[in-house]
Amino acid sequence: MELSLPSALRTHYAIMARVDRLPRSRHLFKIVARIAAGGWFEFFELFMPGFISLGLVRSGIYTIGNKGLLDVHSFASFLASFFVGMFLSTAVFGFVSDKIGRRAVFVQSMLVYSAAQLVVALLSDPLLIDIARFVAGFAVGMQLINNDCYVTELTPRARRGHYMTTSYIFVLSAIPIAALLAAVLVPLDPFGIAGWRFVVAIGSASGLIVFLLQRGLPESPRWLEVHGRIEEADQVVKTIETAIEAEQGAALAPPDLSVPDPVIESGRWTEIFSRFYFPRTLIISLFQFSQTIAVFGFTAFVPVLLIHHGFSIVHSLDYSLAIVMMAPVGAAIGAYLSERIERKWQLVLCACVIAIAGTVFASGQNVPVIVCAGAVLALGNNWMIAIFHPYAAELFPTRIRARAIGFTFCWSRVSSIFVGYWVGDLMARYGQGGVFTMIALAMLTIIVGIGVFGPPTNGRSLETLSP
């Protein structure tokens, strides 16, 4: 049953209107940064496998080639096990964040991920590693969809995209750091221990760090409101308002009460297939399936692709680091343009950049061209990541946001499960040209889907955009 808030009560609390009129502030950035700290470790885990792949192969645990989906000795199974866990958590358990709250999922999922990562660092049996990776993937999948909802619901409409994309400058710095650690540790094997184990173990520190950061972190006021916990939502917003007023030395402007009445409702999973939301569900599902082919099809195999270009293992890891240094730069471009150019058109532009740079990378004949094309490709990938996270979260209402993001995001996990096998097979049969033809086709899907059918979102209230 859904209930509209009584007008007198709405005038007193006006939770959504009060959040939407918040000015830019250090206080709000600090809240977003703490949430982004959890995201940093998620992306460290997401992209780390490609950089340690050569170390895993050299240790004799995995092979680059594969003999099918059940070959646990193939590196593709190392990738797939993680993404199977992510698929399950995003497809089936997205409701948990909508049910128990954004803050609870933020903390608990990171503790599970941390423990699973430590287990991976200690194991040598590929089957047991894959099982631990599955558990880590399950936790990370829940965290990814939760954090997008969390930041989206805490930030004002005029700067929603800016807050989220700015947080991704920090989050995506995990990629070059993972590459740097791998470039240093994988060739050296410190103390006679395989270097890849140190890289994985560093990721397991996330649980403790997030536990320390989460103290005092507020629950999403929008989530509290749609669950009927109006007084708690009011207190969260009041605390934020007080801190911002103290920071700026002036009272905040009154809220704009022209936004729609808030609806107190738990939400239904089937709503994502309703007449209004199904087109969005379909568009974002296709986008998610396609973007992962470019992002992980390239990033997870950068060292391997460079080996095919004739580089040594050491040079491959060094050039991989140079390429992925563009990750935070891509996010910075997204942050700068987030409120200046409609986000849907930025996604289309990113897809064009990725397709062109991928073609140059595959056909390059000398080091400067190959590395520069790879860097532009990494920039496009990470610019896309920074933009699509706020864009997808804006297209669904608070009552079902985590479930909708989870369902659409799970299609990226489907392509993630198989992309390692596809890249391996295409590389063996057609070389790099086959891999980048696949990436170009995926980008064409995004250009048509988002460009033609994606709704604009910049500057619109969440409640107006997704009633």
Protein backbone atom coordinates (compact mmCIF):
# COMPACT_ATOMS: atom_id res chain seq x y z
CA MET A 1 0.00 0.00 0.00
CA GLU A 2 1.32 3.44 -0.86
CA LEU A 3 0.59 6.63 1.05
CA SER A 4 1.23 10.25 0.17
CA LEU A 5 2.68 12.32 2.97
CA PRO A 6 0.06 14.71 4.52
CA SER A 7 0.59 18.26 3.30
CA ALA A 8 1.26 19.70 6.78
CA LEU A 9 3.85 17.04 7.50
CA ARG A 10 5.34 17.51 4.04
CA THR A 11 5.75 21.25 4.61
CA HIS A 12 7.55 20.55 7.89
CA TYR A 13 9.91 17.86 6.63
CA ALA A 14 10.15 18.28 2.79
CA ILE A 15 13.03 15.78 2.76
CA MET A 16 13.53 15.55 -0.99
CA ALA A 17 13.18 19.29 -1.59
CA ARG A 18 15.65 20.04 1.20
CA VAL A 19 18.24 17.63 -0.23
CA ASP A 20 17.79 19.00 -3.76
CA ARG A 21 18.49 22.59 -2.66
CA LEU A 22 21.74 21.80 -0.81
CA PRO A 23 24.65 23.91 -2.13
CA ARG A 24 28.09 22.58 -2.99
CA SER A 25 29.97 21.95 0.27
CA ARG A 26 33.01 20.26 1.76
CA HIS A 27 30.76 18.41 4.21
CA LEU A 28 28.79 16.67 1.48
CA PHE A 29 31.98 15.91 -0.44
CA LYS A 30 33.40 14.25 2.68
CA ILE A 31 30.34 11.99 2.93
CA VAL A 32 30.60 11.06 -0.75
CA ALA A 33 34.36 10.46 -0.39
CA ARG A 34 33.81 7.98 2.45
CA ILE A 35 31.36 6.03 0.35
CA ALA A 36 33.80 6.20 -2.56
CA ALA A 37 36.47 4.60 -0.36
CA GLY A 38 34.48 1.38 -0.50
CA GLY A 39 34.21 1.80 -4.25
CA TRP A 40 38.00 2.17 -4.51
CA PHE A 41 38.53 -1.38 -3.30
CA GLU A 42 35.75 -2.67 -5.54
CA PHE A 43 37.53 -1.32 -8.61
CA PHE A 44 40.89 -2.53 -7.34
CA GLU A 45 39.40 -6.03 -7.35
CA LEU A 46 37.56 -5.59 -10.65
CA PHE A 47 40.67 -4.60 -12.60
CA MET A 48 43.45 -6.27 -10.64
CA PRO A 49 43.10 -9.72 -12.34
CA GLY A 50 44.37 -8.47 -15.71
CA PHE A 51 47.53 -7.10 -14.14
CA ILE A 52 48.36 -10.26 -12.17
CA SER A 53 47.36 -12.62 -14.99
CA LEU A 54 50.94 -13.22 -16.11
CA GLY A 55 51.97 -13.98 -12.53
CA LEU A 56 49.17 -16.53 -12.14
CA VAL A 57 50.21 -18.17 -15.40
CA ARG A 58 53.90 -18.17 -14.44
CA SER A 59 53.02 -19.80 -11.08
CA GLY A 60 51.46 -22.67 -13.02
CA ILE A 61 48.01 -22.16 -11.45
CA TYR A 62 46.26 -20.96 -14.60
CA THR A 63 46.77 -20.99 -18.37
CA ILE A 64 45.75 -18.35 -20.92
CA GLY A 65 44.15 -20.93 -23.22
CA ASN A 66 41.02 -22.77 -22.16
CA LYS A 67 39.35 -26.09 -22.88
CA GLY A 68 35.79 -24.96 -22.22
CA LEU A 69 33.62 -23.45 -19.51
CA LEU A 70 34.54 -26.14 -16.96
CA ASP A 71 38.30 -25.80 -17.34
CA VAL A 72 39.24 -24.47 -13.87
CA HIS A 73 42.88 -24.16 -14.89
CA SER A 74 42.17 -21.42 -17.45
CA PHE A 75 42.61 -17.76 -16.52
CA ALA A 76 39.14 -17.21 -17.97
CA SER A 77 37.72 -19.28 -15.07
CA PHE A 78 39.54 -16.97 -12.60
CA LEU A 79 37.69 -14.06 -14.19
CA ALA A 80 34.38 -15.87 -14.65
CA SER A 81 34.06 -17.15 -11.06
CA PHE A 82 34.16 -13.59 -9.73
CA PHE A 83 31.61 -12.39 -12.24
CA VAL A 84 29.28 -15.33 -11.58
CA GLY A 85 29.21 -14.18 -7.94
CA MET A 86 28.52 -10.62 -9.06
CA PHE A 87 25.77 -11.81 -11.38
CA LEU A 88 24.01 -13.69 -8.60
CA SER A 89 24.16 -10.80 -6.15
CA THR A 90 23.06 -8.16 -8.66
CA ALA A 91 20.35 -10.25 -10.32
CA VAL A 92 18.80 -11.85 -7.25
CA PHE A 93 19.84 -9.91 -4.15
CA GLY A 94 19.51 -6.29 -5.26
CA PHE A 95 16.41 -6.11 -3.06
CA VAL A 96 18.58 -6.37 0.09
CA SER A 97 19.77 -2.76 -0.23
CA ASP A 98 16.20 -1.57 -0.85
CA LYS A 99 15.03 -3.55 2.19
CA ILE A 100 17.67 -3.05 4.92
CA GLY A 101 19.24 0.24 3.88
CA ARG A 102 22.24 1.64 2.02
CA ARG A 103 24.56 2.04 5.01
CA ALA A 104 24.15 -1.55 6.29
CA VAL A 105 24.93 -3.09 2.91
CA PHE A 106 27.90 -0.74 2.47
CA VAL A 107 29.60 -2.11 5.60
CA GLN A 108 28.61 -5.77 5.58
CA SER A 109 29.43 -6.47 1.94
CA MET A 110 32.93 -5.02 2.27
CA LEU A 111 33.71 -7.23 5.29
CA VAL A 112 32.75 -10.34 3.31
CA TYR A 113 34.81 -9.21 0.33
CA SER A 114 37.85 -8.55 2.54
CA ALA A 115 37.78 -12.03 4.05
CA ALA A 116 37.37 -13.70 0.64
CA GLN A 117 40.29 -11.73 -0.81
CA LEU A 118 42.60 -12.83 1.99
CA VAL A 119 41.66 -16.46 1.31
CA VAL A 120 42.49 -16.04 -2.42
CA ALA A 121 45.94 -14.67 -1.53
CA LEU A 122 46.72 -17.81 0.51
CA LEU A 123 45.45 -20.52 -1.88
CA SER A 124 47.13 -22.36 -4.76
CA ASP A 125 44.41 -24.74 -5.92
CA PRO A 126 42.57 -23.14 -8.89
CA LEU A 127 39.18 -24.61 -7.94
CA LEU A 128 39.39 -23.29 -4.35
CA ILE A 129 40.61 -19.91 -5.62
CA ASP A 130 37.62 -19.75 -7.97
CA ILE A 131 35.25 -20.52 -5.08
CA ALA A 132 36.76 -17.74 -2.96
CA ARG A 133 36.59 -15.42 -5.96
CA PHE A 134 32.91 -16.28 -6.32
CA VAL A 135 32.29 -15.14 -2.71
CA ALA A 136 34.28 -11.94 -3.30
CA GLY A 137 32.28 -11.27 -6.46
CA PHE A 138 29.01 -11.77 -4.62
CA ALA A 139 30.00 -9.12 -2.06
CA VAL A 140 31.36 -6.64 -4.62
CA GLY A 141 28.26 -6.94 -6.82
CA MET A 142 26.03 -5.94 -3.94
CA GLN A 143 28.37 -3.09 -3.02
CA LEU A 144 28.46 -1.63 -6.54
CA ILE A 145 24.72 -1.23 -6.93
CA ASN A 146 24.33 -0.07 -3.34
CA ASN A 147 26.89 2.73 -3.58
CA ASP A 148 25.37 4.17 -6.75
CA CYS A 149 22.02 4.40 -4.96
CA TYR A 150 23.66 5.79 -1.82
CA VAL A 151 25.44 8.72 -3.49
CA THR A 152 22.55 9.48 -5.85
CA GLU A 153 20.08 9.78 -2.98
CA LEU A 154 22.32 11.94 -0.76
CA THR A 155 23.15 14.60 -3.34
CA PRO A 156 21.15 17.53 -4.84
CA ARG A 157 19.78 17.36 -8.34
CA ALA A 158 21.81 20.29 -9.72
CA ARG A 159 25.13 18.66 -8.82
CA ARG A 160 24.19 14.97 -8.56
CA GLY A 161 26.25 13.97 -11.57
CA HIS A 162 29.17 16.12 -10.47
CA TYR A 163 29.37 14.57 -6.99
CA MET A 164 29.27 11.03 -8.34
CA THR A 165 31.67 11.54 -11.23
CA THR A 166 34.10 13.42 -8.97
CA SER A 167 34.07 10.47 -6.58
CA TYR A 168 35.04 8.25 -9.52
CA ILE A 169 38.27 10.23 -10.02
CA PHE A 170 39.32 8.73 -6.69
CA VAL A 171 37.65 5.36 -7.26
CA LEU A 172 39.30 4.83 -10.65
CA SER A 173 42.73 5.66 -9.25
CA ALA A 174 42.53 2.06 -8.01
CA ILE A 175 43.24 0.89 -11.56
CA PRO A 176 46.70 2.46 -12.04
CA ILE A 177 47.60 1.62 -8.43
CA ALA A 178 46.72 -2.04 -9.06
CA ALA A 179 48.78 -1.89 -12.25
CA LEU A 180 51.72 -0.26 -10.42
CA LEU A 181 51.68 -2.84 -7.64
CA ALA A 182 51.56 -5.64 -10.22
CA ALA A 183 54.37 -4.10 -12.29
CA VAL A 184 56.56 -3.92 -9.19
CA LEU A 185 55.62 -7.12 -7.37
CA VAL A 186 54.71 -9.70 -10.03
CA PRO A 187 58.18 -9.86 -11.68
CA LEU A 188 60.05 -9.77 -8.33
CA ASP A 189 58.31 -12.40 -6.16
CA PRO A 190 59.45 -10.79 -2.87
CA PHE A 191 60.82 -13.16 -0.19
CA GLY A 192 60.34 -16.03 -2.60
CA ILE A 193 56.55 -15.59 -2.49
CA ALA A 194 54.67 -15.10 -5.77
CA GLY A 195 54.19 -11.36 -6.27
CA TRP A 196 50.54 -11.70 -7.30
CA ARG A 197 49.73 -12.87 -3.75
CA PHE A 198 50.89 -9.55 -2.29
CA VAL A 199 48.74 -7.63 -4.78
CA VAL A 200 45.65 -9.64 -3.83
CA ALA A 201 46.38 -9.38 -0.10
CA ILE A 202 46.53 -5.59 -0.29
CA GLY A 203 42.92 -5.61 -1.52
CA SER A 204 41.89 -7.62 1.54
CA ALA A 205 42.69 -4.63 3.77
CA SER A 206 39.47 -2.99 2.58
CA GLY A 207 37.26 -4.45 5.30
CA LEU A 208 39.16 -2.81 8.14
CA ILE A 209 39.44 0.52 6.35
CA VAL A 210 35.74 0.65 5.47
CA PHE A 211 34.81 -0.37 9.03
CA LEU A 212 36.73 2.64 10.33
CA LEU A 213 35.28 5.01 7.73
CA GLN A 214 31.63 4.02 8.15
CA ARG A 215 31.24 5.32 11.70
CA GLY A 216 28.99 8.37 11.63
CA LEU A 217 28.03 7.82 7.99
CA PRO A 218 24.35 8.78 7.53
CA GLU A 219 21.67 6.56 6.09
CA SER A 220 20.11 7.74 2.82
CA PRO A 221 17.33 10.20 3.80
CA ARG A 222 15.39 9.33 0.66
CA TRP A 223 15.51 5.63 1.57
CA LEU A 224 14.33 6.42 5.10
CA GLU A 225 11.48 8.56 3.78
CA VAL A 226 10.04 6.04 1.32
CA HIS A 227 10.07 3.48 4.16
CA GLY A 228 7.98 5.80 6.33
CA ARG A 229 10.81 6.71 8.73
CA ILE A 230 10.17 10.41 8.32
CA GLU A 231 11.58 11.61 11.64
CA GLU A 232 14.87 9.78 11.06
CA ALA A 233 15.11 11.20 7.53
CA ASP A 234 14.45 14.65 8.92
CA GLN A 235 17.23 14.25 11.47
CA VAL A 236 19.74 13.09 8.83
CA VAL A 237 18.98 16.09 6.61
CA LYS A 238 18.98 18.45 9.58
CA THR A 239 22.46 17.27 10.58
CA ILE A 240 23.74 17.83 7.03
CA GLU A 241 22.07 21.26 6.84
CA THR A 242 23.56 22.34 10.18
CA ALA A 243 27.06 21.30 9.11
CA ILE A 244 26.77 23.13 5.77
CA GLU A 245 25.39 26.29 7.40
CA ALA A 246 28.29 26.26 9.88
CA GLU A 247 30.73 25.75 7.01
CA GLN A 248 29.28 28.60 4.92
CA GLY A 249 28.35 30.94 7.77
CA ALA A 250 24.85 31.57 6.42
CA ALA A 251 21.40 30.02 6.51
CA LEU A 252 20.38 27.83 3.57
CA ALA A 253 17.77 28.95 1.07
CA PRO A 254 14.24 27.61 1.65
CA PRO A 255 13.41 24.38 -0.23
CA ASP A 256 11.36 24.36 -3.44
CA LEU A 257 8.14 22.56 -2.53
CA SER A 258 7.01 22.23 -6.15
CA VAL A 259 8.51 18.72 -6.39
CA PRO A 260 6.00 15.85 -6.39
CA ASP A 261 4.62 14.54 -3.10
CA PRO A 262 6.84 11.75 -1.76
CA VAL A 263 5.33 8.29 -1.78
CA ILE A 264 5.76 5.92 1.16
CA GLU A 265 6.03 2.52 -0.47
CA SER A 266 8.27 -0.53 -0.29
CA GLY A 267 8.25 -1.00 -4.07
CA ARG A 268 7.78 -4.12 -6.20
CA TRP A 269 10.41 -5.87 -8.31
CA THR A 270 7.93 -6.24 -11.19
CA GLU A 271 7.73 -2.45 -11.48
CA ILE A 272 10.93 -2.42 -13.55
CA PHE A 273 8.89 -4.21 -16.24
CA SER A 274 5.98 -1.76 -16.12
CA ARG A 275 4.99 0.26 -19.19
CA PHE A 276 6.88 3.33 -17.95
CA TYR A 277 10.10 1.68 -16.71
CA PHE A 278 10.51 -1.31 -19.05
CA PRO A 279 12.04 0.74 -21.93
CA ARG A 280 14.62 2.09 -19.47
CA THR A 281 15.26 -1.38 -18.10
CA LEU A 282 15.86 -2.71 -21.62
CA ILE A 283 18.11 0.18 -22.71
CA ILE A 284 20.31 0.06 -19.61
CA SER A 285 20.50 -3.75 -19.73
CA LEU A 286 21.79 -3.62 -23.32
CA PHE A 287 24.19 -0.86 -22.35
CA GLN A 288 25.55 -2.82 -19.39
CA PHE A 289 26.03 -5.98 -21.46
CA SER A 290 27.91 -4.01 -24.12
CA GLN A 291 30.08 -1.69 -22.02
CA THR A 292 31.68 -4.57 -20.14
CA ILE A 293 32.88 -6.10 -23.40
CA ALA A 294 34.96 -2.97 -23.99
CA VAL A 295 36.02 -2.27 -20.41
CA PHE A 296 36.97 -5.78 -19.31
CA GLY A 297 37.66 -7.20 -22.75
CA PHE A 298 40.46 -4.67 -23.01
CA THR A 299 41.60 -3.91 -19.46
CA ALA A 300 41.71 -7.49 -18.19
CA PHE A 301 43.84 -8.50 -21.16
CA VAL A 302 46.11 -5.46 -21.65
CA PRO A 303 49.31 -7.33 -20.69
CA VAL A 304 48.34 -10.29 -22.87
CA LEU A 305 47.45 -8.05 -25.82
CA LEU A 306 50.79 -6.31 -25.51
CA ILE A 307 52.59 -9.67 -25.39
CA HIS A 308 50.89 -10.42 -28.73
CA HIS A 309 52.35 -7.14 -30.01
CA GLY A 310 55.79 -8.56 -29.21
CA PHE A 311 56.56 -6.96 -25.84
CA SER A 312 58.30 -8.85 -23.01
CA ILE A 313 56.50 -9.58 -19.73
CA VAL A 314 58.31 -6.70 -17.96
CA HIS A 315 57.66 -4.21 -20.77
CA SER A 316 54.07 -5.45 -21.05
CA LEU A 317 53.40 -4.66 -17.38
CA ASP A 318 55.18 -1.29 -17.64
CA TYR A 319 53.20 -0.26 -20.73
CA SER A 320 50.00 -1.54 -19.11
CA LEU A 321 50.67 0.85 -16.23
CA ALA A 322 51.23 3.73 -18.65
CA ILE A 323 47.96 2.96 -20.41
CA VAL A 324 45.77 2.65 -17.31
CA MET A 325 47.18 5.85 -15.80
CA MET A 326 44.48 7.45 -17.94
CA ALA A 327 41.74 5.93 -15.76
CA PRO A 328 41.41 8.84 -13.29
CA VAL A 329 41.91 11.29 -16.18
CA GLY A 330 38.86 9.79 -17.88
CA ALA A 331 36.88 10.20 -14.65
CA ALA A 332 38.10 13.80 -14.33
CA ILE A 333 36.78 14.59 -17.80
CA GLY A 334 33.46 13.05 -16.80
CA ALA A 335 33.39 15.14 -13.60
CA TYR A 336 34.16 18.37 -15.47
CA LEU A 337 31.49 17.74 -18.12
CA SER A 338 28.93 15.97 -15.92
CA GLU A 339 26.61 18.98 -15.58
CA ARG A 340 27.80 20.81 -18.72
CA ILE A 341 26.87 18.22 -21.35
CA GLU A 342 23.85 15.92 -21.16
CA ARG A 343 25.07 12.62 -19.73
CA LYS A 344 23.44 10.45 -22.39
CA TRP A 345 25.42 12.24 -25.12
CA GLN A 346 28.64 11.81 -23.18
CA LEU A 347 28.01 8.05 -23.18
CA VAL A 348 27.55 8.12 -26.96
CA LEU A 349 30.77 10.13 -27.40
CA CYS A 350 32.68 7.69 -25.17
CA ALA A 351 31.50 4.76 -27.28
CA CYS A 352 32.78 6.49 -30.44
CA VAL A 353 36.18 7.18 -28.84
CA ILE A 354 36.51 3.56 -27.68
CA ALA A 355 35.65 2.13 -31.11
CA ILE A 356 38.15 4.36 -32.93
CA ALA A 357 40.98 3.95 -30.41
CA GLY A 358 40.47 0.18 -30.35
CA THR A 359 40.88 -0.01 -34.11
CA VAL A 360 44.14 1.95 -33.93
CA PHE A 361 45.44 -0.17 -31.04
CA ALA A 362 44.78 -3.42 -32.90
CA SER A 363 46.45 -2.22 -36.12
CA GLY A 364 49.35 -0.25 -34.58
CA GLN A 365 52.87 -1.13 -35.71
CA ASN A 366 55.10 0.85 -33.31
CA VAL A 367 55.32 1.49 -29.58
CA PRO A 368 54.17 5.16 -29.45
CA VAL A 369 51.06 4.48 -31.56
CA ILE A 370 50.13 1.33 -29.64
CA VAL A 371 50.61 2.89 -26.19
CA CYS A 372 48.88 6.18 -27.11
CA ALA A 373 45.90 4.34 -28.64
CA GLY A 374 45.69 2.13 -25.56
CA ALA A 375 45.78 5.19 -23.31
CA VAL A 376 42.95 6.88 -25.27
CA LEU A 377 40.98 3.62 -25.11
CA ALA A 378 41.49 3.48 -21.32
CA LEU A 379 40.44 7.13 -21.07
CA GLY A 380 37.23 6.44 -23.01
CA ASN A 381 36.45 3.34 -20.94
CA ASN A 382 36.81 5.17 -17.64
CA TRP A 383 35.04 8.32 -18.78
CA MET A 384 32.16 6.00 -19.65
CA ILE A 385 32.32 4.33 -16.23
CA ALA A 386 32.19 7.69 -14.43
CA ILE A 387 29.13 8.80 -16.41
CA PHE A 388 27.02 5.66 -16.63
CA HIS A 389 26.92 5.10 -12.86
CA PRO A 390 24.95 8.29 -12.12
CA TYR A 391 22.98 7.97 -15.38
CA ALA A 392 21.66 4.48 -14.63
CA ALA A 393 20.82 5.34 -11.02
CA GLU A 394 18.76 8.37 -12.10
CA LEU A 395 16.40 6.35 -14.26
CA PHE A 396 14.60 4.49 -11.44
CA PRO A 397 12.77 5.61 -8.25
CA THR A 398 14.18 5.24 -4.73
CA ARG A 399 11.72 2.49 -3.77
CA ILE A 400 13.18 0.10 -6.40
CA ARG A 401 16.47 1.78 -7.31
CA ALA A 402 18.80 -0.95 -6.01
CA ARG A 403 16.68 -3.73 -7.53
CA ALA A 404 16.51 -1.98 -10.90
CA ILE A 405 20.23 -1.18 -10.95
CA GLY A 406 20.93 -4.74 -9.83
CA PHE A 407 18.85 -6.31 -12.58
CA THR A 408 20.27 -4.12 -15.33
CA PHE A 409 23.80 -4.38 -13.96
CA CYS A 410 23.62 -8.18 -13.88
CA TRP A 411 23.72 -8.17 -17.69
CA SER A 412 27.19 -6.68 -17.49
CA ARG A 413 28.10 -9.64 -15.30
CA VAL A 414 26.73 -12.02 -17.96
CA SER A 415 29.08 -10.56 -20.57
CA SER A 416 31.88 -10.43 -17.95
CA ILE A 417 31.54 -14.17 -17.33
CA PHE A 418 32.06 -14.97 -20.99
CA VAL A 419 34.29 -12.11 -22.21
CA GLY A 420 37.45 -13.87 -21.05
CA TYR A 421 36.55 -16.92 -23.12
CA TRP A 422 35.53 -14.78 -26.10
CA VAL A 423 38.78 -12.80 -26.05
CA GLY A 424 40.83 -15.98 -25.76
CA ASP A 425 39.03 -17.66 -28.66
CA LEU A 426 39.04 -14.57 -30.91
CA MET A 427 42.72 -13.98 -30.18
CA ALA A 428 43.56 -17.55 -31.15
CA ARG A 429 41.50 -17.51 -34.37
CA TYR A 430 41.65 -13.95 -35.66
CA GLY A 431 44.26 -12.12 -33.60
CA GLN A 432 43.67 -8.71 -32.05
CA GLY A 433 41.52 -7.63 -35.00
CA GLY A 434 38.85 -10.11 -33.94
CA VAL A 435 38.88 -8.83 -30.35
CA PHE A 436 38.46 -5.21 -31.37
CA THR A 437 35.78 -6.00 -33.94
CA MET A 438 33.77 -7.42 -31.04
CA ILE A 439 34.42 -4.26 -29.01
CA ALA A 440 33.40 -2.01 -31.93
CA LEU A 441 30.09 -3.86 -32.36
CA ALA A 442 29.40 -3.51 -28.64
CA MET A 443 30.01 0.24 -28.88
CA LEU A 444 27.65 0.51 -31.86
CA THR A 445 24.93 -1.01 -29.66
CA ILE A 446 25.52 1.73 -27.07
CA ILE A 447 25.53 4.52 -29.66
CA VAL A 448 22.14 3.43 -31.03
CA GLY A 449 20.53 2.40 -27.73
CA ILE A 450 21.48 5.40 -25.57
CA GLY A 451 21.64 7.95 -28.39
CA VAL A 452 18.20 7.16 -29.82
CA PHE A 453 16.23 5.86 -26.84
CA GLY A 454 17.99 7.08 -23.67
CA PRO A 455 16.13 9.82 -21.74
CA PRO A 456 17.98 13.04 -20.74
CA THR A 457 18.60 13.40 -16.99
CA ASN A 458 20.77 16.45 -16.24
CA GLY A 459 19.39 18.86 -13.64
CA ARG A 460 16.12 16.98 -13.13
CA SER A 461 14.74 16.02 -9.72
CA LEU A 462 14.88 12.27 -9.11
CA GLU A 463 11.21 12.30 -8.16
CA THR A 464 10.22 14.11 -11.36
CA LEU A 465 12.50 12.02 -13.56
CA SER A 466 11.48 8.70 -11.98
CA PRO A 467 8.03 9.06 -10.35
